N, C-alpha and C. Protein backbone atom coordinates (compact mmCIF):
# COMPACT_ATOMS: atom_id res chain seq x y z
N MET A 1 -10.11 -75.65 -7.66
CA MET A 1 -10.78 -74.54 -7.04
C MET A 1 -9.76 -73.72 -6.24
N ILE A 2 -9.56 -72.49 -6.67
CA ILE A 2 -8.54 -71.64 -6.03
C ILE A 2 -9.18 -71.03 -4.79
N SER A 3 -8.44 -71.09 -3.65
CA SER A 3 -8.88 -70.48 -2.40
C SER A 3 -7.91 -69.40 -1.98
N LYS A 4 -8.21 -68.74 -0.89
CA LYS A 4 -7.36 -67.64 -0.39
C LYS A 4 -6.75 -68.08 0.98
N GLN A 5 -5.56 -67.61 1.18
CA GLN A 5 -4.89 -67.84 2.45
C GLN A 5 -4.41 -66.45 2.98
N LEU A 6 -4.52 -66.29 4.25
CA LEU A 6 -4.11 -65.04 4.95
C LEU A 6 -2.79 -65.28 5.60
N SER A 7 -1.79 -64.47 5.28
CA SER A 7 -0.47 -64.57 5.89
C SER A 7 -0.27 -63.36 6.74
N VAL A 8 0.35 -63.56 7.93
CA VAL A 8 0.57 -62.49 8.86
C VAL A 8 2.03 -62.55 9.29
N PHE A 9 2.78 -61.46 9.21
CA PHE A 9 4.12 -61.38 9.69
C PHE A 9 4.06 -61.00 11.14
N VAL A 10 4.66 -61.86 12.02
CA VAL A 10 4.56 -61.71 13.42
C VAL A 10 5.95 -61.57 14.03
N GLU A 11 6.21 -60.51 14.74
CA GLU A 11 7.48 -60.29 15.43
C GLU A 11 7.69 -61.38 16.42
N ASN A 12 8.89 -61.89 16.59
CA ASN A 12 9.17 -62.91 17.55
C ASN A 12 9.39 -62.23 18.94
N ARG A 13 8.27 -61.94 19.58
CA ARG A 13 8.34 -61.39 20.93
C ARG A 13 7.14 -61.94 21.69
N LYS A 14 7.30 -62.04 23.00
CA LYS A 14 6.29 -62.64 23.86
C LYS A 14 4.93 -61.94 23.69
N GLY A 15 3.90 -62.72 23.47
CA GLY A 15 2.52 -62.18 23.38
C GLY A 15 2.04 -61.76 22.00
N ARG A 16 2.97 -61.65 21.04
CA ARG A 16 2.56 -61.13 19.72
C ARG A 16 1.61 -62.11 19.02
N LEU A 17 1.84 -63.39 19.07
CA LEU A 17 0.93 -64.37 18.46
C LEU A 17 -0.42 -64.27 19.12
N GLU A 18 -0.43 -64.12 20.42
CA GLU A 18 -1.71 -64.00 21.13
C GLU A 18 -2.49 -62.74 20.67
N GLU A 19 -1.78 -61.70 20.37
CA GLU A 19 -2.46 -60.47 19.87
C GLU A 19 -3.11 -60.70 18.53
N VAL A 20 -2.46 -61.47 17.66
CA VAL A 20 -3.06 -61.80 16.31
C VAL A 20 -4.32 -62.58 16.58
N LEU A 21 -4.19 -63.65 17.38
CA LEU A 21 -5.36 -64.49 17.60
C LEU A 21 -6.54 -63.77 18.28
N ASN A 22 -6.20 -62.78 19.18
CA ASN A 22 -7.25 -62.02 19.81
C ASN A 22 -7.96 -61.10 18.80
N VAL A 23 -7.27 -60.48 17.87
CA VAL A 23 -7.89 -59.68 16.83
C VAL A 23 -8.86 -60.53 16.03
N LEU A 24 -8.43 -61.70 15.68
CA LEU A 24 -9.30 -62.60 14.87
C LEU A 24 -10.52 -62.98 15.71
N LYS A 25 -10.33 -63.33 16.94
CA LYS A 25 -11.44 -63.68 17.83
C LYS A 25 -12.42 -62.55 17.93
N GLU A 26 -11.92 -61.37 18.21
CA GLU A 26 -12.77 -60.19 18.43
C GLU A 26 -13.59 -59.86 17.17
N ASN A 27 -13.16 -60.27 16.01
CA ASN A 27 -13.83 -59.98 14.74
C ASN A 27 -14.58 -61.18 14.19
N GLY A 28 -14.72 -62.18 15.02
CA GLY A 28 -15.52 -63.35 14.57
C GLY A 28 -14.91 -64.20 13.50
N ILE A 29 -13.62 -64.15 13.37
CA ILE A 29 -12.89 -64.89 12.33
C ILE A 29 -12.49 -66.26 12.85
N ASN A 30 -12.99 -67.31 12.18
CA ASN A 30 -12.68 -68.68 12.60
C ASN A 30 -11.50 -69.21 11.86
N ILE A 31 -10.54 -69.77 12.57
CA ILE A 31 -9.34 -70.36 11.94
C ILE A 31 -9.68 -71.81 11.60
N LEU A 32 -9.48 -72.17 10.38
CA LEU A 32 -9.74 -73.51 9.89
C LEU A 32 -8.45 -74.35 9.83
N SER A 33 -7.36 -73.64 9.61
CA SER A 33 -6.05 -74.30 9.57
C SER A 33 -4.97 -73.21 9.72
N LEU A 34 -3.78 -73.64 10.20
CA LEU A 34 -2.69 -72.68 10.29
C LEU A 34 -1.37 -73.37 10.21
N SER A 35 -0.36 -72.57 9.80
CA SER A 35 1.01 -73.01 9.77
C SER A 35 1.83 -71.84 10.31
N LEU A 36 2.82 -72.09 11.19
CA LEU A 36 3.66 -71.07 11.70
C LEU A 36 5.14 -71.46 11.45
N ALA A 37 5.85 -70.59 10.76
CA ALA A 37 7.31 -70.81 10.54
C ALA A 37 8.00 -69.64 11.12
N ASP A 38 9.19 -69.82 11.67
CA ASP A 38 9.87 -68.66 12.31
C ASP A 38 11.32 -68.57 11.86
N THR A 39 11.80 -67.30 11.99
CA THR A 39 13.20 -67.00 11.85
C THR A 39 13.59 -66.40 13.19
N THR A 40 14.78 -65.84 13.32
CA THR A 40 15.21 -65.28 14.55
C THR A 40 14.44 -64.01 14.92
N GLU A 41 13.97 -63.27 13.91
CA GLU A 41 13.34 -62.00 14.17
C GLU A 41 11.84 -61.98 14.01
N TYR A 42 11.27 -62.87 13.18
CA TYR A 42 9.84 -62.81 12.94
C TYR A 42 9.32 -64.22 12.61
N GLY A 43 7.98 -64.34 12.67
CA GLY A 43 7.37 -65.59 12.27
C GLY A 43 6.41 -65.27 11.09
N LEU A 44 6.15 -66.28 10.30
CA LEU A 44 5.17 -66.16 9.22
C LEU A 44 4.05 -67.10 9.51
N LEU A 45 2.88 -66.51 9.87
CA LEU A 45 1.69 -67.22 10.22
C LEU A 45 0.79 -67.32 8.97
N ARG A 46 0.57 -68.50 8.48
CA ARG A 46 -0.32 -68.74 7.34
C ARG A 46 -1.60 -69.34 7.89
N LEU A 47 -2.70 -68.69 7.49
CA LEU A 47 -4.01 -69.09 8.01
C LEU A 47 -5.03 -69.33 6.91
N ILE A 48 -5.81 -70.38 7.06
CA ILE A 48 -6.99 -70.56 6.29
C ILE A 48 -8.13 -70.24 7.24
N VAL A 49 -8.84 -69.17 6.91
CA VAL A 49 -9.92 -68.71 7.84
C VAL A 49 -11.26 -68.63 7.05
N ASN A 50 -12.32 -68.42 7.81
CA ASN A 50 -13.67 -68.45 7.24
C ASN A 50 -13.93 -67.15 6.42
N ASP A 51 -13.19 -66.09 6.65
CA ASP A 51 -13.37 -64.85 5.87
C ASP A 51 -12.02 -64.14 5.80
N CYS A 52 -11.29 -64.41 4.74
CA CYS A 52 -9.95 -63.85 4.58
C CYS A 52 -9.92 -62.33 4.49
N ASN A 53 -10.88 -61.78 3.75
CA ASN A 53 -10.87 -60.34 3.53
C ASN A 53 -11.16 -59.59 4.83
N LYS A 54 -12.09 -60.10 5.66
CA LYS A 54 -12.42 -59.49 6.89
C LYS A 54 -11.24 -59.64 7.87
N GLY A 55 -10.62 -60.79 7.85
CA GLY A 55 -9.45 -61.02 8.73
C GLY A 55 -8.31 -60.15 8.38
N LYS A 56 -8.05 -59.96 7.10
CA LYS A 56 -6.92 -59.07 6.64
C LYS A 56 -7.21 -57.64 7.06
N GLU A 57 -8.43 -57.19 6.85
CA GLU A 57 -8.80 -55.80 7.22
C GLU A 57 -8.61 -55.60 8.73
N ALA A 58 -9.12 -56.51 9.56
CA ALA A 58 -9.04 -56.38 10.97
C ALA A 58 -7.57 -56.39 11.50
N LEU A 59 -6.73 -57.24 10.95
CA LEU A 59 -5.39 -57.31 11.31
C LEU A 59 -4.57 -56.08 10.84
N THR A 60 -4.87 -55.65 9.68
CA THR A 60 -4.15 -54.48 9.10
C THR A 60 -4.50 -53.24 10.02
N LYS A 61 -5.79 -53.13 10.37
CA LYS A 61 -6.21 -51.99 11.22
C LYS A 61 -5.49 -52.05 12.54
N SER A 62 -5.12 -53.23 12.98
CA SER A 62 -4.46 -53.44 14.28
C SER A 62 -2.90 -53.37 14.20
N GLY A 63 -2.47 -53.00 12.97
CA GLY A 63 -1.04 -52.75 12.82
C GLY A 63 -0.16 -53.97 12.35
N PHE A 64 -0.83 -55.00 11.93
CA PHE A 64 -0.09 -56.23 11.48
C PHE A 64 0.09 -56.12 9.93
N SER A 65 1.23 -56.59 9.51
CA SER A 65 1.53 -56.73 8.11
C SER A 65 0.92 -58.01 7.60
N THR A 66 0.02 -57.93 6.60
CA THR A 66 -0.68 -59.08 6.12
C THR A 66 -0.59 -59.22 4.62
N LEU A 67 -0.98 -60.39 4.15
CA LEU A 67 -0.95 -60.65 2.72
C LEU A 67 -1.99 -61.73 2.41
N LEU A 68 -2.72 -61.55 1.29
CA LEU A 68 -3.65 -62.60 0.83
C LEU A 68 -2.93 -63.27 -0.34
N SER A 69 -3.02 -64.62 -0.35
CA SER A 69 -2.39 -65.44 -1.43
C SER A 69 -3.38 -66.41 -1.97
N ASP A 70 -3.24 -66.69 -3.25
CA ASP A 70 -4.07 -67.79 -3.82
C ASP A 70 -3.35 -69.09 -3.52
N ILE A 71 -4.18 -70.08 -3.07
CA ILE A 71 -3.65 -71.38 -2.78
C ILE A 71 -4.65 -72.43 -3.33
N LEU A 72 -4.33 -73.65 -3.34
CA LEU A 72 -5.18 -74.73 -3.65
C LEU A 72 -5.21 -75.70 -2.47
N ILE A 73 -6.34 -76.25 -2.23
CA ILE A 73 -6.52 -77.25 -1.12
C ILE A 73 -6.88 -78.58 -1.92
N ILE A 74 -6.00 -79.56 -1.80
CA ILE A 74 -6.25 -80.80 -2.51
C ILE A 74 -6.60 -81.91 -1.57
N LYS A 75 -7.33 -82.89 -2.02
CA LYS A 75 -7.63 -84.08 -1.24
C LYS A 75 -6.97 -85.25 -1.96
N ILE A 76 -6.20 -86.00 -1.23
CA ILE A 76 -5.53 -87.15 -1.80
C ILE A 76 -5.78 -88.36 -0.89
N SER A 77 -5.61 -89.51 -1.48
CA SER A 77 -5.79 -90.76 -0.69
C SER A 77 -4.83 -90.75 0.45
N ASN A 78 -5.21 -91.26 1.62
CA ASN A 78 -4.40 -91.37 2.80
C ASN A 78 -3.67 -92.69 2.80
N ILE A 79 -2.83 -92.85 1.74
CA ILE A 79 -2.05 -94.07 1.61
C ILE A 79 -0.60 -93.68 1.16
N SER A 80 0.33 -94.49 1.51
CA SER A 80 1.70 -94.25 1.22
C SER A 80 1.89 -94.02 -0.30
N GLY A 81 2.61 -92.88 -0.68
CA GLY A 81 2.89 -92.62 -2.05
C GLY A 81 1.97 -91.66 -2.71
N SER A 82 0.80 -91.38 -2.14
CA SER A 82 -0.18 -90.49 -2.78
C SER A 82 0.36 -89.07 -3.06
N LEU A 83 0.99 -88.53 -2.07
CA LEU A 83 1.55 -87.18 -2.26
C LEU A 83 2.64 -87.16 -3.31
N ASP A 84 3.52 -88.19 -3.29
CA ASP A 84 4.58 -88.29 -4.25
C ASP A 84 3.98 -88.32 -5.66
N GLU A 85 2.95 -89.12 -5.87
CA GLU A 85 2.32 -89.20 -7.25
C GLU A 85 1.72 -87.88 -7.62
N THR A 86 1.14 -87.17 -6.73
CA THR A 86 0.55 -85.83 -6.99
C THR A 86 1.61 -84.85 -7.39
N LEU A 87 2.70 -84.86 -6.68
CA LEU A 87 3.78 -83.91 -6.94
C LEU A 87 4.46 -84.23 -8.25
N LYS A 88 4.54 -85.50 -8.65
CA LYS A 88 5.07 -85.87 -9.93
C LYS A 88 4.33 -85.27 -11.10
N VAL A 89 2.99 -85.21 -10.95
CA VAL A 89 2.14 -84.57 -11.94
C VAL A 89 2.60 -83.12 -12.14
N LEU A 90 2.81 -82.40 -11.03
CA LEU A 90 3.26 -81.02 -11.13
C LEU A 90 4.64 -80.88 -11.78
N SER A 91 5.52 -81.74 -11.34
CA SER A 91 6.87 -81.69 -11.88
C SER A 91 6.92 -81.89 -13.39
N LYS A 92 6.15 -82.91 -13.87
CA LYS A 92 6.03 -83.16 -15.26
C LYS A 92 5.53 -81.96 -16.06
N ASN A 93 4.78 -81.09 -15.42
CA ASN A 93 4.21 -79.93 -16.05
C ASN A 93 4.94 -78.66 -15.71
N ASP A 94 6.15 -78.77 -15.22
CA ASP A 94 7.06 -77.66 -14.94
C ASP A 94 6.53 -76.68 -13.91
N ILE A 95 5.85 -77.23 -12.92
CA ILE A 95 5.26 -76.41 -11.83
C ILE A 95 6.14 -76.66 -10.58
N SER A 96 6.57 -75.57 -9.95
CA SER A 96 7.32 -75.64 -8.71
C SER A 96 6.43 -75.39 -7.53
N VAL A 97 6.59 -76.19 -6.50
CA VAL A 97 5.84 -75.98 -5.22
C VAL A 97 6.65 -74.96 -4.40
N GLU A 98 5.97 -73.92 -3.99
CA GLU A 98 6.61 -72.93 -3.15
C GLU A 98 6.55 -73.35 -1.68
N TYR A 99 5.43 -73.84 -1.24
CA TYR A 99 5.27 -74.46 0.11
C TYR A 99 3.96 -75.19 0.10
N MET A 100 3.83 -76.02 1.17
CA MET A 100 2.59 -76.74 1.39
C MET A 100 2.55 -77.18 2.86
N TYR A 101 1.37 -77.46 3.34
CA TYR A 101 1.23 -77.97 4.71
C TYR A 101 -0.03 -78.80 4.83
N GLY A 102 0.00 -79.72 5.75
CA GLY A 102 -1.17 -80.61 5.95
C GLY A 102 -2.28 -79.82 6.60
N LEU A 103 -3.51 -80.16 6.18
CA LEU A 103 -4.68 -79.54 6.72
C LEU A 103 -5.41 -80.50 7.58
N SER A 104 -5.72 -81.69 7.10
CA SER A 104 -6.44 -82.66 7.92
C SER A 104 -6.40 -84.01 7.31
N VAL A 105 -6.69 -85.00 8.07
CA VAL A 105 -6.79 -86.38 7.59
C VAL A 105 -8.09 -86.92 8.19
N ASP A 106 -8.94 -87.45 7.35
CA ASP A 106 -10.25 -87.98 7.82
C ASP A 106 -10.28 -89.49 7.82
N GLY A 107 -9.16 -90.14 7.70
CA GLY A 107 -9.19 -91.59 7.66
C GLY A 107 -8.89 -92.14 6.27
N THR A 108 -9.63 -91.74 5.29
CA THR A 108 -9.42 -92.17 3.92
C THR A 108 -8.75 -91.20 3.02
N LYS A 109 -8.87 -89.92 3.34
CA LYS A 109 -8.35 -88.83 2.50
C LYS A 109 -7.59 -87.81 3.38
N ALA A 110 -6.52 -87.23 2.81
CA ALA A 110 -5.80 -86.17 3.47
C ALA A 110 -6.04 -84.90 2.68
N SER A 111 -6.16 -83.81 3.35
CA SER A 111 -6.31 -82.46 2.68
C SER A 111 -5.01 -81.74 2.92
N ILE A 112 -4.51 -81.16 1.82
CA ILE A 112 -3.24 -80.43 1.85
C ILE A 112 -3.37 -79.11 1.22
N VAL A 113 -2.79 -78.07 1.84
CA VAL A 113 -2.76 -76.75 1.26
C VAL A 113 -1.48 -76.66 0.42
N ILE A 114 -1.59 -76.18 -0.81
CA ILE A 114 -0.37 -76.07 -1.69
C ILE A 114 -0.35 -74.75 -2.41
N LYS A 115 0.84 -74.16 -2.46
CA LYS A 115 1.09 -72.91 -3.19
C LYS A 115 2.16 -73.22 -4.25
N THR A 116 1.92 -72.88 -5.47
CA THR A 116 2.86 -73.12 -6.55
C THR A 116 3.23 -71.84 -7.22
N ASN A 117 4.19 -71.91 -8.15
CA ASN A 117 4.59 -70.74 -8.86
C ASN A 117 3.58 -70.33 -9.96
N ASP A 118 2.63 -71.17 -10.30
CA ASP A 118 1.60 -70.82 -11.23
C ASP A 118 0.29 -71.47 -10.79
N ILE A 119 -0.48 -70.78 -10.02
CA ILE A 119 -1.66 -71.36 -9.40
C ILE A 119 -2.75 -71.69 -10.36
N LEU A 120 -2.96 -70.82 -11.42
CA LEU A 120 -3.97 -71.12 -12.40
C LEU A 120 -3.63 -72.37 -13.22
N LYS A 121 -2.43 -72.49 -13.66
CA LYS A 121 -1.96 -73.68 -14.36
C LYS A 121 -2.09 -74.91 -13.55
N THR A 122 -1.67 -74.77 -12.25
CA THR A 122 -1.79 -75.89 -11.34
C THR A 122 -3.24 -76.36 -11.21
N ASP A 123 -4.13 -75.44 -11.05
CA ASP A 123 -5.57 -75.80 -10.93
C ASP A 123 -6.03 -76.55 -12.15
N GLY A 124 -5.66 -76.12 -13.33
CA GLY A 124 -6.02 -76.82 -14.54
C GLY A 124 -5.42 -78.22 -14.59
N ILE A 125 -4.13 -78.32 -14.19
CA ILE A 125 -3.48 -79.66 -14.15
C ILE A 125 -4.15 -80.59 -13.20
N PHE A 126 -4.54 -80.08 -12.06
CA PHE A 126 -5.24 -80.90 -11.03
C PHE A 126 -6.58 -81.40 -11.63
N THR A 127 -7.26 -80.55 -12.27
CA THR A 127 -8.59 -80.86 -12.87
C THR A 127 -8.39 -81.94 -13.95
N ALA A 128 -7.43 -81.72 -14.80
CA ALA A 128 -7.17 -82.66 -15.94
C ALA A 128 -6.74 -84.03 -15.46
N ASN A 129 -6.10 -84.05 -14.28
CA ASN A 129 -5.59 -85.33 -13.73
C ASN A 129 -6.52 -85.87 -12.64
N LYS A 130 -7.72 -85.31 -12.52
CA LYS A 130 -8.69 -85.79 -11.56
C LYS A 130 -8.22 -85.75 -10.13
N ILE A 131 -7.39 -84.76 -9.77
CA ILE A 131 -6.97 -84.54 -8.42
C ILE A 131 -7.94 -83.56 -7.80
N GLU A 132 -8.66 -84.01 -6.77
CA GLU A 132 -9.74 -83.28 -6.16
C GLU A 132 -9.25 -82.03 -5.46
N THR A 133 -9.81 -80.87 -5.78
CA THR A 133 -9.55 -79.62 -5.00
C THR A 133 -10.86 -79.29 -4.35
N ILE A 134 -10.76 -78.63 -3.19
CA ILE A 134 -11.91 -78.20 -2.42
C ILE A 134 -11.73 -76.76 -2.07
N GLY A 135 -12.84 -76.11 -1.74
CA GLY A 135 -12.88 -74.72 -1.28
C GLY A 135 -12.96 -74.64 0.24
N ILE A 136 -12.73 -73.47 0.74
CA ILE A 136 -12.77 -73.22 2.14
C ILE A 136 -14.06 -73.60 2.75
N GLU A 137 -15.14 -73.39 2.02
CA GLU A 137 -16.50 -73.71 2.51
C GLU A 137 -16.69 -75.21 2.76
N GLU A 138 -15.85 -76.05 2.17
CA GLU A 138 -15.98 -77.48 2.31
C GLU A 138 -15.16 -78.02 3.49
N ILE A 139 -14.36 -77.17 4.11
CA ILE A 139 -13.57 -77.61 5.25
C ILE A 139 -14.41 -77.74 6.48
């Protein structure tokens, strides 16, 4: 199941992240998960939110550079080696992982956000290999 992720380019200056979060708050956008990576000049804030389109619109109106991306959210067993086995399936099918980050762990399963070079093919591979994908509404 393909989901959407909202990415926001954030200048590395005091208060800028707070401005992003405030815009989301003022527009009733709930953050379900996030990842923040930085360079010397800017940060890349990746968000799983309850309404990506509304979030993108609100942030763009407020002057932020945003992007919507297709991603997959997978659930794997919370045991040693599970992620390795999952990534081997992709490698065998010539799929490259562009990035991923942990979403949550509920004790028996871990949820992971994953972006690949071919999201539609990856979704089919996960389905064929019985790797569970979930949508944002299930988080």
